[in-house]
PDB file of N, CA and C in Angstrom:
ATOM      1  N   MET A   1    -212.724  97.771 176.082  1.00  0.00           N
ATOM      2  CA  MET A   1    -211.574  97.627 176.577  1.00  0.00           C
ATOM      3  C   MET A   1    -210.312  96.789 174.798  1.00  0.00           C
ATOM      4  N   THR A   2    -209.911  96.128 174.542  1.00  0.00           N
ATOM      5  CA  THR A   2    -209.451  96.396 173.723  1.00  0.00           C
ATOM      6  C   THR A   2    -209.486  94.078 173.088  1.00  0.00           C
ATOM      7  N   GLY A   3    -209.547  93.897 172.074  1.00  0.00           N
ATOM      8  CA  GLY A   3    -210.062  92.655 172.232  1.00  0.00           C
ATOM      9  C   GLY A   3    -209.684  91.169 172.709  1.00  0.00           C
ATOM     10  N   ALA A   4    -208.551  91.511 173.313  1.00  0.00           N
ATOM     11  CA  ALA A   4    -207.764  89.922 173.368  1.00  0.00           C
ATOM     12  C   ALA A   4    -208.584  90.548 175.307  1.00  0.00           C
ATOM     13  N   LEU A   5    -208.195  91.383 175.539  1.00  0.00           N
ATOM     14  CA  LEU A   5    -208.502  91.681 177.570  1.00  0.00           C
ATOM     15  C   LEU A   5    -209.573  92.093 177.727  1.00  0.00           C
ATOM     16  N   ALA A   6    -210.503  91.947 176.434  1.00  0.00           N
ATOM     17  CA  ALA A   6    -212.062  91.483 176.847  1.00  0.00           C
ATOM     18  C   ALA A   6    -212.628  90.690 176.713  1.00  0.00           C
ATOM     19  N   HIS A   7    -211.754  89.709 175.582  1.00  0.00           N
ATOM     20  CA  HIS A   7    -212.202  88.289 175.878  1.00  0.00           C
ATOM     21  C   HIS A   7    -211.459  87.346 176.924  1.00  0.00           C
ATOM     22  N   ILE A   8    -210.079  88.143 177.601  1.00  0.00           N
ATOM     23  CA  ILE A   8    -209.572  87.229 178.601  1.00  0.00           C
ATOM     24  C   ILE A   8    -210.503  87.570 180.036  1.00  0.00           C
ATOM     25  N   THR A   9    -211.242  88.605 179.807  1.00  0.00           N
ATOM     26  CA  THR A   9    -212.291  89.400 181.437  1.00  0.00           C
ATOM     27  C   THR A   9    -213.332  88.637 181.079  1.00  0.00           C
ATOM     28  N   SER A  10    -213.963  88.496 179.745  1.00  0.00           N
ATOM     29  CA  SER A  10    -214.832  87.849 179.737  1.00  0.00           C
ATOM     30  C   SER A  10    -214.801  85.952 180.524  1.00  0.00           C
ATOM     31  N   CYS A  11    -214.195  85.498 180.273  1.00  0.00           N
ATOM     32  CA  CYS A  11    -213.440  84.397 180.315  1.00  0.00           C
ATOM     33  C   CYS A  11    -213.387  83.744 181.679  1.00  0.00           C
ATOM     34  N   TYR A  12    -213.003  85.072 182.103  1.00  0.00           N
ATOM     35  CA  TYR A  12    -212.476  84.439 183.628  1.00  0.00           C
ATOM     36  C   TYR A  12    -213.818  85.390 184.302  1.00  0.00           C
ATOM     37  N   ALA A  13    -214.559  86.309 183.832  1.00  0.00           N
ATOM     38  CA  ALA A  13    -215.833  86.602 185.014  1.00  0.00           C
ATOM     39  C   ALA A  13    -216.560  85.508 184.597  1.00  0.00           C
ATOM     40  N   GLY A  14    -216.586  84.688 183.299  1.00  0.00           N
ATOM     41  CA  GLY A  14    -217.387  84.238 183.159  1.00  0.00           C
ATOM     42  C   GLY A  14    -217.845  82.731 183.634  1.00  0.00           C
ATOM     43  N   GLY A  15    -216.532  82.265 183.989  1.00  0.00           N
ATOM     44  CA  GLY A  15    -215.745  80.812 183.796  1.00  0.00           C
ATOM     45  C   GLY A  15    -215.770  80.558 185.321  1.00  0.00           C
ATOM     46  N   VAL A  16    -214.844  81.074 185.903  1.00  0.00           N
ATOM     47  CA  VAL A  16    -214.377  81.008 187.659  1.00  0.00           C
ATOM     48  C   VAL A  16    -215.329  81.297 188.247  1.00  0.00           C
ATOM     49  N   LYS A  17    -216.736  82.684 188.120  1.00  0.00           N
ATOM     50  CA  LYS A  17    -217.609  82.773 188.870  1.00  0.00           C
ATOM     51  C   LYS A  17    -218.295  81.559 189.378  1.00  0.00           C
ATOM     52  N   THR A  18    -218.824  80.790 187.952  1.00  0.00           N
ATOM     53  CA  THR A  18    -219.669  80.005 187.799  1.00  0.00           C
ATOM     54  C   THR A  18    -219.371  78.393 187.950  1.00  0.00           C
ATOM     55  N   MET A  19    -217.929  77.815 188.191  1.00  0.00           N
ATOM     56  CA  MET A  19    -217.847  76.644 188.357  1.00  0.00           C
ATOM     57  C   MET A  19    -216.370  76.596 188.995  1.00  0.00           C
ATOM     58  N   GLY A  20    -215.672  77.793 189.803  1.00  0.00           N
ATOM     59  CA  GLY A  20    -215.286  77.644 190.859  1.00  0.00           C
ATOM     60  C   GLY A  20    -213.816  77.603 190.046  1.00  0.00           C
ATOM     61  N   TRP A  21    -212.715  77.929 190.543  1.00  0.00           N
ATOM     62  CA  TRP A  21    -210.867  78.648 189.548  1.00  0.00           C
ATOM     63  C   TRP A  21    -210.865  76.928 189.495  1.00  0.00           C
ATOM     64  N   VAL A  22    -210.634  75.351 190.345  1.00  0.00           N
ATOM     65  CA  VAL A  22    -210.316  74.178 189.643  1.00  0.00           C
ATOM     66  C   VAL A  22    -210.818  74.042 188.867  1.00  0.00           C
ATOM     67  N   ALA A  23    -212.229  74.144 188.958  1.00  0.00           N
ATOM     68  CA  ALA A  23    -212.631  73.535 187.280  1.00  0.00           C
ATOM     69  C   ALA A  23    -212.531  74.452 186.377  1.00  0.00           C
ATOM     70  N   TYR A  24    -212.632  75.045 186.474  1.00  0.00           N
ATOM     71  CA  TYR A  24    -212.582  75.882 185.350  1.00  0.00           C
ATOM     72  C   TYR A  24    -211.041  75.925 184.625  1.00  0.00           C
ATOM     73  N   ILE A  25    -210.056  76.030 185.996  1.00  0.00           N
ATOM     74  CA  ILE A  25    -208.060  75.639 185.478  1.00  0.00           C
ATOM     75  C   ILE A  25    -208.391  73.892 184.399  1.00  0.00           C
ATOM     76  N   LYS A  26    -208.846  73.091 184.777  1.00  0.00           N
ATOM     77  CA  LYS A  26    -209.129  71.855 184.802  1.00  0.00           C
ATOM     78  C   LYS A  26    -209.713  72.014 183.285  1.00  0.00           C
ATOM     79  N   LYS A  27    -211.011  72.690 183.033  1.00  0.00           N
ATOM     80  CA  LYS A  27    -211.926  72.873 181.717  1.00  0.00           C
ATOM     81  C   LYS A  27    -210.690  73.270 180.802  1.00  0.00           C
ATOM     82  N   THR A  28    -210.171  75.057 180.928  1.00  0.00           N
ATOM     83  CA  THR A  28    -209.074  75.388 180.079  1.00  0.00           C
ATOM     84  C   THR A  28    -207.424  74.250 179.699  1.00  0.00           C
ATOM     85  N   SER A  29    -207.354  73.683 180.360  1.00  0.00           N
ATOM     86  CA  SER A  29    -206.189  72.548 180.512  1.00  0.00           C
ATOM     87  C   SER A  29    -206.575  71.557 179.756  1.00  0.00           C
ATOM     88  N   ARG A  30    -207.869  71.332 179.382  1.00  0.00           N
ATOM     89  CA  ARG A  30    -207.808  69.905 178.701  1.00  0.00           C
ATOM     90  C   ARG A  30    -208.442  70.608 177.234  1.00  0.00           C
ATOM     91  N   GLU A  31    -208.620  71.970 176.805  1.00  0.00           N
ATOM     92  CA  GLU A  31    -209.068  72.364 175.735  1.00  0.00           C
ATOM     93  C   GLU A  31    -207.885  73.008 175.612  1.00  0.00           C
ATOM     94  N   LEU A  32    -206.569  73.446 176.272  1.00  0.00           N
ATOM     95  CA  LEU A  32    -205.580  73.754 175.576  1.00  0.00           C
ATOM     96  C   LEU A  32    -204.770  72.357 175.271  1.00  0.00           C
ATOM     97  N   LYS A  33    -204.970  70.972 176.057  1.00  0.00           N
ATOM     98  CA  LYS A  33    -204.012  69.985 174.991  1.00  0.00           C
ATOM     99  C   LYS A  33    -204.603  69.758 173.672  1.00  0.00           C
ATOM    100  N   ILE A  34    -206.231  69.634 173.916  1.00  0.00           N
ATOM    101  CA  ILE A  34    -206.924  69.143 172.449  1.00  0.00           C
ATOM    102  C   ILE A  34    -206.477  70.411 171.648  1.00  0.00           C
ATOM    103  N   GLU A  35    -206.202  71.156 171.707  1.00  0.00           N
ATOM    104  CA  GLU A  35    -205.904  72.318 170.705  1.00  0.00           C
ATOM    105  C   GLU A  35    -204.115  72.143 170.397  1.00  0.00           C
ATOM    106  N   ALA A  36    -203.424  71.735 171.173  1.00  0.00           N
ATOM    107  CA  ALA A  36    -202.540  71.616 170.997  1.00  0.00           C
ATOM    108  C   ALA A  36    -202.374  70.274 170.358  1.00  0.00           C
ATOM    109  N   LEU A  37    -203.102  68.935 170.607  1.00  0.00           N
ATOM    110  CA  LEU A  37    -203.602  67.928 169.541  1.00  0.00           C
ATOM    111  C   LEU A  37    -203.302  67.909 168.665  1.00  0.00           C
ATOM    112  N   ALA A  38    -204.654  69.073 168.534  1.00  0.00           N
ATOM    113  CA  ALA A  38    -205.324  69.230 167.546  1.00  0.00           C
ATOM    114  C   ALA A  38    -204.285  69.474 166.144  1.00  0.00           C
ATOM    115  N   MET A  39    -203.222  70.595 166.847  1.00  0.00           N
ATOM    116  CA  MET A  39    -202.689  71.461 165.758  1.00  0.00           C
ATOM    117  C   MET A  39    -200.970  70.175 165.230  1.00  0.00           C
ATOM    118  N   TYR A  40    -200.767  69.030 166.157  1.00  0.00           N
ATOM    119  CA  TYR A  40    -200.153  68.194 165.682  1.00  0.00           C
ATOM    120  C   TYR A  40    -200.759  67.217 164.970  1.00  0.00           C
ATOM    121  N   TYR A  41    -202.203  67.009 164.942  1.00  0.00           N
ATOM    122  CA  TYR A  41    -202.400  66.311 163.504  1.00  0.00           C
ATOM    123  C   TYR A  41    -202.660  67.297 162.077  1.00  0.00           C
ATOM    124  N   ALA A  42    -202.445  68.844 162.445  1.00  0.00           N
ATOM    125  CA  ALA A  42    -202.529  69.471 161.353  1.00  0.00           C
ATOM    126  C   ALA A  42    -201.162  69.469 160.236  1.00  0.00           C
ATOM    127  N   ILE A  43    -200.168  69.548 161.306  1.00  0.00           N
ATOM    128  CA  ILE A  43    -199.193  69.545 160.584  1.00  0.00           C
ATOM    129  C   ILE A  43    -199.137  68.493 159.782  1.00  0.00           C
ATOM    130  N   ARG A  44    -199.677  67.318 160.160  1.00  0.00           N
ATOM    131  CA  ARG A  44    -199.731  65.958 159.139  1.00  0.00           C
ATOM    132  C   ARG A  44    -200.689  66.134 158.235  1.00  0.00           C
ATOM    133  N   HIS A  45    -202.178  66.834 158.451  1.00  0.00           N
ATOM    134  CA  HIS A  45    -202.548  66.611 157.183  1.00  0.00           C
ATOM    135  C   HIS A  45    -202.139  67.131 156.021  1.00  0.00           C
ATOM    136  N   PRO A  46    -202.449  66.726 154.466  1.00  0.00           N
ATOM    137  CA  PRO A  46    -202.059  67.314 153.506  1.00  0.00           C
ATOM    138  C   PRO A  46    -202.739  68.268 153.084  1.00  0.00           C
ATOM    139  N   LYS A  47    -203.339  68.965 153.637  1.00  0.00           N
ATOM    140  CA  LYS A  47    -204.265  70.009 152.432  1.00  0.00           C
ATOM    141  C   LYS A  47    -203.650  71.871 153.851  1.00  0.00           C
ATOM    142  N   THR A  48    -203.124  71.269 154.321  1.00  0.00           N
ATOM    143  CA  THR A  48    -202.171  72.276 154.930  1.00  0.00           C
ATOM    144  C   THR A  48    -201.614  72.671 154.384  1.00  0.00           C
ATOM    145  N   PRO A  49    -201.575  73.742 154.434  1.00  0.00           N
ATOM    146  CA  PRO A  49    -200.143  74.892 153.916  1.00  0.00           C
ATOM    147  C   PRO A  49    -198.207  74.206 154.250  1.00  0.00           C
ATOM    148  N   TRP A  50    -197.531  74.291 153.361  1.00  0.00           N
ATOM    149  CA  TRP A  50    -196.189  74.134 154.222  1.00  0.00           C
ATOM    150  C   TRP A  50    -195.658  75.174 154.836  1.00  0.00           C
ATOM    151  N   SER A  51    -195.997  76.192 153.950  1.00  0.00           N
ATOM    152  CA  SER A  51    -196.078  78.110 155.093  1.00  0.00           C
ATOM    153  C   SER A  51    -196.690  77.411 156.723  1.00  0.00           C
ATOM    154  N   MET A  52    -197.452  77.403 157.065  1.00  0.00           N
ATOM    155  CA  MET A  52    -198.450  76.482 157.874  1.00  0.00           C
ATOM    156  C   MET A  52    -197.350  75.468 158.711  1.00  0.00           C
ATOM    157  N   ARG A  53    -197.241  74.951 157.770  1.00  0.00           N
ATOM    158  CA  ARG A  53    -196.693  73.166 158.792  1.00  0.00           C
ATOM    159  C   ARG A  53    -195.226  74.139 159.108  1.00  0.00           C
ATOM    160  N   LEU A  54    -194.698  75.107 158.801  1.00  0.00           N
ATOM    161  CA  LEU A  54    -192.702  75.339 159.505  1.00  0.00           C
ATOM    162  C   LEU A  54    -193.122  76.115 160.428  1.00  0.00           C
ATOM    163  N   VAL A  55    -194.599  77.511 159.979  1.00  0.00           N
ATOM    164  CA  VAL A  55    -195.130  77.826 161.472  1.00  0.00           C
ATOM    165  C   VAL A  55    -194.989  76.550 162.406  1.00  0.00           C
ATOM    166  N   LEU A  56    -195.825  76.311 162.576  1.00  0.00           N
ATOM    167  CA  LEU A  56    -195.914  75.567 163.984  1.00  0.00           C
ATOM    168  C   LEU A  56    -194.560  74.377 164.189  1.00  0.00           C
ATOM    169  N   VAL A  57    -194.287  73.846 163.157  1.00  0.00           N
ATOM    170  CA  VAL A  57    -192.676  72.819 163.496  1.00  0.00           C
ATOM    171  C   VAL A  57    -191.896  74.041 164.414  1.00  0.00           C
ATOM    172  N   PHE A  58    -191.997  75.205 164.274  1.00  0.00           N
ATOM    173  CA  PHE A  58    -190.837  76.546 164.390  1.00  0.00           C
ATOM    174  C   PHE A  58    -191.907  76.619 166.028  1.00  0.00           C
ATOM    175  N   ILE A  59    -192.488  76.511 165.960  1.00  0.00           N
ATOM    176  CA  ILE A  59    -193.013  76.729 167.507  1.00  0.00           C
ATOM    177  C   ILE A  59    -192.756  75.661 168.398  1.00  0.00           C
ATOM    178  N   LEU A  60    -192.943  74.774 167.346  1.00  0.00           N
ATOM    179  CA  LEU A  60    -192.380  73.307 168.878  1.00  0.00           C
ATOM    180  C   LEU A  60    -191.292  73.305 169.694  1.00  0.00           C
ATOM    181  N   LEU A  61    -189.753  73.613 167.851  1.00  0.00           N
ATOM    182  CA  LEU A  61    -189.162  73.643 168.189  1.00  0.00           C
ATOM    183  C   LEU A  61    -188.791  74.615 168.973  1.00  0.00           C
ATOM    184  N   TYR A  62    -189.357  75.835 168.758  1.00  0.00           N
ATOM    185  CA  TYR A  62    -188.561  77.183 170.263  1.00  0.00           C
ATOM    186  C   TYR A  62    -189.533  76.464 171.657  1.00  0.00           C
ATOM    187  N   ALA A  63    -190.778  75.530 171.425  1.00  0.00           N
ATOM    188  CA  ALA A  63    -190.699  75.439 173.031  1.00  0.00           C
ATOM    189  C   ALA A  63    -189.927  74.122 173.730  1.00  0.00           C
ATOM    190  N   VAL A  64    -189.522  73.303 172.772  1.00  0.00           N
ATOM    191  CA  VAL A  64    -188.622  72.476 173.361  1.00  0.00           C
ATOM    192  C   VAL A  64    -187.179  73.024 173.393  1.00  0.00           C
ATOM    193  N   ASN A  65    -186.735  73.988 172.720  1.00  0.00           N
ATOM    194  CA  ASN A  65    -185.277  74.807 173.097  1.00  0.00           C
ATOM    195  C   ASN A  65    -185.237  75.056 174.089  1.00  0.00           C
ATOM    196  N   PRO A  66    -183.263  74.364 174.897  1.00  0.00           N
ATOM    197  CA  PRO A  66    -183.393  74.889 176.082  1.00  0.00           C
ATOM    198  C   PRO A  66    -182.897  76.525 175.481  1.00  0.00           C
ATOM    199  N   ILE A  67    -182.466  76.764 174.159  1.00  0.00           N
ATOM    200  CA  ILE A  67    -181.741  77.804 174.525  1.00  0.00           C
ATOM    201  C   ILE A  67    -183.284  79.017 173.974  1.00  0.00           C
ATOM    202  N   ASP A  68    -183.195  80.157 174.550  1.00  0.00           N
ATOM    203  CA  ASP A  68    -183.957  81.313 174.601  1.00  0.00           C
ATOM    204  C   ASP A  68    -183.713  82.387 174.241  1.00  0.00           C
ATOM    205  N   ILE A  69    -184.544  83.227 173.501  1.00  0.00           N
ATOM    206  CA  ILE A  69    -184.142  84.783 173.162  1.00  0.00           C
ATOM    207  C   ILE A  69    -183.733  85.256 174.763  1.00  0.00           C
ATOM    208  N   ILE A  70    -184.525  85.208 175.975  1.00  0.00           N
ATOM    209  CA  ILE A  70    -183.605  86.052 176.693  1.00  0.00           C
ATOM    210  C   ILE A  70    -184.085  84.311 177.980  1.00  0.00           C
ATOM    211  N   PRO A  71    -183.297  84.418 178.860  1.00  0.00           N
ATOM    212  CA  PRO A  71    -183.037  83.252 179.637  1.00  0.00           C
ATOM    213  C   PRO A  71    -183.989  83.318 180.142  1.00  0.00           C
ATOM    214  N   ASP A  72    -184.666  81.934 180.974  1.00  0.00           N
ATOM    215  CA  ASP A  72    -185.499  81.731 181.680  1.00  0.00           C
ATOM    216  C   ASP A  72    -185.159  82.155 183.355  1.00  0.00           C
ATOM    217  N   PHE A  73    -184.126  82.382 183.745  1.00  0.00           N
ATOM    218  CA  PHE A  73    -183.728  82.889 185.330  1.00  0.00           C
ATOM    219  C   PHE A  73    -184.034  83.869 185.844  1.00  0.00           C
ATOM    220  N   ILE A  74    -184.017  85.072 184.521  1.00  0.00           N
ATOM    221  CA  ILE A  74    -184.091  86.210 184.491  1.00  0.00           C
ATOM    222  C   ILE A  74    -185.852  86.404 185.016  1.00  0.00           C
ATOM    223  N   PRO A  75    -186.385  87.010 185.682  1.00  0.00           N
ATOM    224  CA  PRO A  75    -187.456  86.882 186.572  1.00  0.00           C
ATOM    225  C   PRO A  75    -188.621  87.166 185.645  1.00  0.00           C
ATOM    226  N   VAL A  76    -189.204  87.982 185.577  1.00  0.00           N
ATOM    227  CA  VAL A  76    -190.243  87.609 184.610  1.00  0.00           C
ATOM    228  C   VAL A  76    -190.066  87.952 182.673  1.00  0.00           C
ATOM    229  N   LEU A  77    -189.008  88.094 182.539  1.00  0.00           N
ATOM    230  CA  LEU A  77    -188.603  88.230 180.673  1.00  0.00           C
ATOM    231  C   LEU A  77    -188.535  87.135 180.289  1.00  0.00           C
ATOM    232  N   GLY A  78    -188.104  86.273 181.181  1.00  0.00           N
ATOM    233  CA  GLY A  78    -187.800  84.872 180.946  1.00  0.00           C
ATOM    234  C   GLY A  78    -188.524  84.219 180.936  1.00  0.00           C
ATOM    235  N   MET A  79    -189.872  83.776 180.928  1.00  0.00           N
ATOM    236  CA  MET A  79    -190.684  83.168 180.346  1.00  0.00           C
ATOM    237  C   MET A  79    -191.786  84.027 179.593  1.00  0.00           C
ATOM    238  N   LEU A  80    -191.939  85.419 179.624  1.00  0.00           N
ATOM    239  CA  LEU A  80    -192.468  86.167 178.655  1.00  0.00           C
ATOM    240  C   LEU A  80    -192.380  86.094 177.366  1.00  0.00           C
ATOM    241  N   ASP A  81    -191.135  86.189 177.189  1.00  0.00           N
ATOM    242  CA  ASP A  81    -190.871  86.159 175.660  1.00  0.00           C
ATOM    243  C   ASP A  81    -190.965  84.644 174.785  1.00  0.00           C
ATOM    244  N   ASP A  82    -191.512  83.537 176.128  1.00  0.00           N
ATOM    245  CA  ASP A  82    -191.637  82.465 175.404  1.00  0.00           C
ATOM    246  C   ASP A  82    -193.236  82.494 174.942  1.00  0.00           C
ATOM    247  N   ILE A  83    -193.906  82.915 176.438  1.00  0.00           N
ATOM    248  CA  ILE A  83    -195.211  82.629 176.017  1.00  0.00           C
ATOM    249  C   ILE A  83    -195.929  83.511 174.836  1.00  0.00           C
ATOM    250  N   VAL A  84    -195.112  84.786 174.627  1.00  0.00           N
ATOM    251  CA  VAL A  84    -195.405  86.012 173.655  1.00  0.00           C
ATOM    252  C   VAL A  84    -195.130  85.198 172.619  1.00  0.00           C
ATOM    253  N   ILE A  85    -194.006  84.945 172.401  1.00  0.00           N
ATOM    254  CA  ILE A  85    -193.764  83.399 170.990  1.00  0.00           C
ATOM    255  C   ILE A  85    -194.486  82.680 170.222  1.00  0.00           C
ATOM    256  N   ILE A  86    -194.883  81.507 171.737  1.00  0.00           N
ATOM    257  CA  ILE A  86    -195.737  80.554 171.073  1.00  0.00           C
ATOM    258  C   ILE A  86    -196.759  81.139 170.833  1.00  0.00           C
ATOM    259  N   ALA A  87    -197.270  81.872 171.738  1.00  0.00           N
ATOM    260  CA  ALA A  87    -198.743  82.247 171.324  1.00  0.00           C
ATOM    261  C   ALA A  87    -199.250  82.809 170.333  1.00  0.00           C
ATOM    262  N   ALA A  88    -198.419  84.288 169.718  1.00  0.00           N
ATOM    263  CA  ALA A  88    -198.075  84.414 168.246  1.00  0.00           C
ATOM    264  C   ALA A  88    -198.103  83.628 167.291  1.00  0.00           C
ATOM    265  N   GLY A  89    -197.343  82.245 167.566  1.00  0.00           N
ATOM    266  CA  GLY A  89    -197.221  81.276 166.177  1.00  0.00           C
ATOM    267  C   GLY A  89    -198.502  80.467 166.417  1.00  0.00           C
ATOM    268  N   LEU A  90    -198.854  80.268 167.638  1.00  0.00           N
ATOM    269  CA  LEU A  90    -200.219  79.352 167.209  1.00  0.00           C
ATOM    270  C   LEU A  90    -201.208  80.565 166.135  1.00  0.00           C
ATOM    271  N   TRP A  91    -201.110  81.959 167.128  1.00  0.00           N
ATOM    272  CA  TRP A  91    -203.026  82.426 167.114  1.00  0.00           C
ATOM    273  C   TRP A  91    -202.418  82.786 164.829  1.00  0.00           C
ATOM    274  N   LEU A  92    -201.134  82.640 164.512  1.00  0.00           N
ATOM    275  CA  LEU A  92    -201.083  82.752 163.423  1.00  0.00           C
ATOM    276  C   LEU A  92    -201.478  81.515 162.363  1.00  0.00           C
ATOM    277  N   ALA A  93    -201.100  80.293 163.568  1.00  0.00           N
ATOM    278  CA  ALA A  93    -201.476  79.000 162.292  1.00  0.00           C
ATOM    279  C   ALA A  93    -203.095  78.808 163.030  1.00  0.00           C
ATOM    280  N   ARG A  94    -203.436  79.406 163.335  1.00  0.00           N
ATOM    281  CA  ARG A  94    -204.483  79.395 163.811  1.00  0.00           C
ATOM    282  C   ARG A  94    -205.942  80.212 162.638  1.00  0.00           C
ATOM    283  N   ARG A  95    -205.132  80.897 162.573  1.00  0.00           N
ATOM    284  CA  ARG A  95    -205.835  82.136 161.381  1.00  0.00           C
ATOM    285  C   ARG A  95    -205.292  81.336 159.466  1.00  0.00           C
ATOM    286  N   LEU A  96    -204.729  81.318 159.877  1.00  0.00           N
ATOM    287  CA  LEU A  96    -204.080  80.799 158.402  1.00  0.00           C
ATOM    288  C   LEU A  96    -204.622  79.178 158.131  1.00  0.00           C
ATOM    289  N   ILE A  97    -204.583  78.137 159.131  1.00  0.00           N
ATOM    290  CA  ILE A  97    -205.150  77.093 158.591  1.00  0.00           C
ATOM    291  C   ILE A  97    -206.088  77.020 157.662  1.00  0.00           C
ATOM    292  N   PRO A  98    -207.104  76.274 157.143  1.00  0.00           N
ATOM    293  CA  PRO A  98    -207.928  76.264 156.496  1.00  0.00           C
ATOM    294  C   PRO A  98    -209.606  76.066 157.669  1.00  0.00           C
ATOM    295  N   GLU A  99    -210.068  76.195 157.757  1.00  0.00           N
ATOM    296  CA  GLU A  99    -211.126  76.410 158.395  1.00  0.00           C
ATOM    297  C   GLU A  99    -211.357  74.238 158.911  1.00  0.00           C
ATOM    298  N   ALA A 100    -211.811  74.642 157.682  1.00  0.00           N
ATOM    299  CA  ALA A 100    -211.719  72.285 157.077  1.00  0.00           C
ATOM    300  C   ALA A 100    -210.745  71.807 157.717  1.00  0.00           C
ATOM    301  N   VAL A 101    -210.355  71.827 157.132  1.00  0.00           N
ATOM    302  CA  VAL A 101    -208.701  71.458 158.203  1.00  0.00           C
ATOM    303  C   VAL A 101    -208.644  71.600 159.141  1.00  0.00           C
ATOM    304  N   LEU A 102    -208.829  72.535 160.302  1.00  0.00           N
ATOM    305  CA  LEU A 102    -208.810  72.494 161.684  1.00  0.00           C
ATOM    306  C   LEU A 102    -209.927  71.815 162.013  1.00  0.00           C
ATOM    307  N   GLU A 103    -211.387  72.200 161.707  1.00  0.00           N
ATOM    308  CA  GLU A 103    -212.334  71.463 162.511  1.00  0.00           C
ATOM    309  C   GLU A 103    -212.428  69.838 162.366  1.00  0.00           C
ATOM    310  N   GLU A 104    -211.611  69.575 160.912  1.00  0.00           N
ATOM    311  CA  GLU A 104    -211.095  67.771 160.627  1.00  0.00           C
ATOM    312  C   GLU A 104    -210.205  67.321 162.105  1.00  0.00           C
ATOM    313  N   CYS A 105    -209.420  68.232 162.429  1.00  0.00           N
ATOM    314  CA  CYS A 105    -207.923  67.504 162.933  1.00  0.00           C
ATOM    315  C   CYS A 105    -208.351  68.526 164.477  1.00  0.00           C
ATOM    316  N   ARG A 106    -209.219  69.318 165.073  1.00  0.00           N
ATOM    317  CA  ARG A 106    -210.132  69.185 166.732  1.00  0.00           C
ATOM    318  C   ARG A 106    -210.690  68.077 166.389  1.00  0.00           C
ATOM    319  N   LYS A 107    -211.738  67.477 165.591  1.00  0.00           N
ATOM    320  CA  LYS A 107    -212.618  66.590 165.724  1.00  0.00           C
ATOM    321  C   LYS A 107    -211.413  65.025 166.058  1.00  0.00           C
ATOM    322  N   LYS A 108    -210.598  64.843 165.461  1.00  0.00           N
ATOM    323  CA  LYS A 108    -209.903  64.088 165.441  1.00  0.00           C
ATOM    324  C   LYS A 108    -209.263  63.723 166.865  1.00  0.00           C
ATOM    325  N   ALA A 109    -209.071  65.370 167.738  1.00  0.00           N
ATOM    326  CA  ALA A 109    -208.322  65.383 168.638  1.00  0.00           C
ATOM    327  C   ALA A 109    -208.982  64.643 170.220  1.00  0.00           C
ATOM    328  N   ARG A 110    -210.391  65.196 170.027  1.00  0.00           N
ATOM    329  CA  ARG A 110    -211.725  65.244 170.521  1.00  0.00           C
ATOM    330  C   ARG A 110    -211.803  63.831 171.052  1.00  0.00           C
ATOM    331  N   THR A 111    -211.653  62.661 169.606  1.00  0.00           N
ATOM    332  CA  THR A 111    -212.028  61.752 169.638  1.00  0.00           C
ATOM    333  C   THR A 111    -210.656  61.185 170.297  1.00  0.00           C
ATOM    334  N   ILE A 112    -209.447  61.268 170.391  1.00  0.00           N
ATOM    335  CA  ILE A 112    -208.799  60.887 171.133  1.00  0.00           C
ATOM    336  C   ILE A 112    -208.413  61.062 172.739  1.00  0.00           C
ATOM    337  N   ASP A 113    -209.120  62.030 172.328  1.00  0.00           N
ATOM    338  CA  ASP A 113    -208.672  62.536 173.966  1.00  0.00           C
ATOM    339  C   ASP A 113    -210.162  61.631 175.040  1.00  0.00           C
ATOM    340  N   ARG A 114    -211.314  61.650 174.430  1.00  0.00           N
ATOM    341  CA  ARG A 114    -212.250  60.857 174.808  1.00  0.00           C
ATOM    342  C   ARG A 114    -211.798  59.318 175.178  1.00  0.00           C
ATOM    343  N   GLU A 115    -210.758  58.974 174.493  1.00  0.00           N
ATOM    344  CA  GLU A 115    -210.922  57.330 173.890  1.00  0.00           C
ATOM    345  C   GLU A 115    -209.524  56.967 175.144  1.00  0.00           C
ATOM    346  N   GLY A 116    -209.139  58.155 175.333  1.00  0.00           N
ATOM    347  CA  GLY A 116    -208.866  57.860 176.769  1.00  0.00           C
ATOM    348  C   GLY A 116    -206.781  58.661 176.967  1.00  0.00           C
ATOM    349  N   GLY A 117    -206.967  59.327 175.997  1.00  0.00           N
ATOM    350  CA  GLY A 117    -205.137  60.002 175.566  1.00  0.00           C
ATOM    351  C   GLY A 117    -204.522  59.891 174.448  1.00  0.00           C
ATOM    352  N   LEU A 118    -203.409  60.060 173.892  1.00  0.00           N
ATOM    353  CA  LEU A 118    -202.640  60.128 172.860  1.00  0.00           C
ATOM    354  C   LEU A 118    -202.163  58.676 172.854  1.00  0.00           C
ATOM    355  N   ILE A 119    -200.905  58.331 174.353  1.00  0.00           N
ATOM    356  CA  ILE A 119    -200.251  57.104 174.371  1.00  0.00           C
ATOM    357  C   ILE A 119    -201.253  56.293 174.322  1.00  0.00           C
ATOM    358  N   ARG A 120    -202.361  56.174 175.223  1.00  0.00           N
ATOM    359  CA  ARG A 120    -203.071  55.359 175.072  1.00  0.00           C
ATOM    360  C   ARG A 120    -203.039  54.280 173.524  1.00  0.00           C
ATOM    361  N   SER A 121    -203.729  55.342 172.798  1.00  0.00           N
ATOM    362  CA  SER A 121    -204.077  55.433 171.321  1.00  0.00           C
ATOM    363  C   SER A 121    -202.983  54.637 170.606  1.00  0.00           C
ATOM    364  N   PHE A 122    -201.291  54.959 171.028  1.00  0.00           N
ATOM    365  CA  PHE A 122    -200.843  53.932 170.135  1.00  0.00           C
ATOM    366  C   PHE A 122    -200.322  52.796 170.422  1.00  0.00           C
ATOM    367  N   PHE A 123    -201.318  52.320 171.563  1.00  0.00           N
ATOM    368  CA  PHE A 123    -201.169  50.880 172.213  1.00  0.00           C
ATOM    369  C   PHE A 123    -202.769  50.106 171.807  1.00  0.00           C
ATOM    370  N   LYS A 124    -203.050  50.423 170.833  1.00  0.00           N
ATOM    371  CA  LYS A 124    -204.548  49.961 170.862  1.00  0.00           C
ATOM    372  C   LYS A 124    -203.980  48.901 169.650  1.00  0.00           C
ATOM    373  N   ASP A 125    -205.534  47.729 169.908  1.00  0.00           N
ATOM    374  CA  ASP A 125    -204.849  46.613 168.728  1.00  0.00           C
ATOM    375  C   ASP A 125    -205.501  46.693 167.417  1.00  0.00           C
TER     376      ASP A 125
END
């Protein structure tokens, strides 16, 4: 199997069978939320290269922009282009951001998540 397919298969086989599909989806969504928050902090980190900041900002703008390359009302292709472009951009960003910066941003994101989330962190005393 190819690398990505083998990883997905092993994650599915190891995660869903041992913990149930609802718990697996909750765990995966929490990890995705932490990773997205870490990317937000990576954009703002002073040691992140400008090229990666531009890639991350482009991904964010593409995700929230209502104009798509392929319109979303086309059954499969409409959502597939969004998924492919966003996943490829995040993959590129994760590869090119320095590991120390990424770990620092993930640590900060996990701390915010444990303390109640991003919105609650804005209203702290």
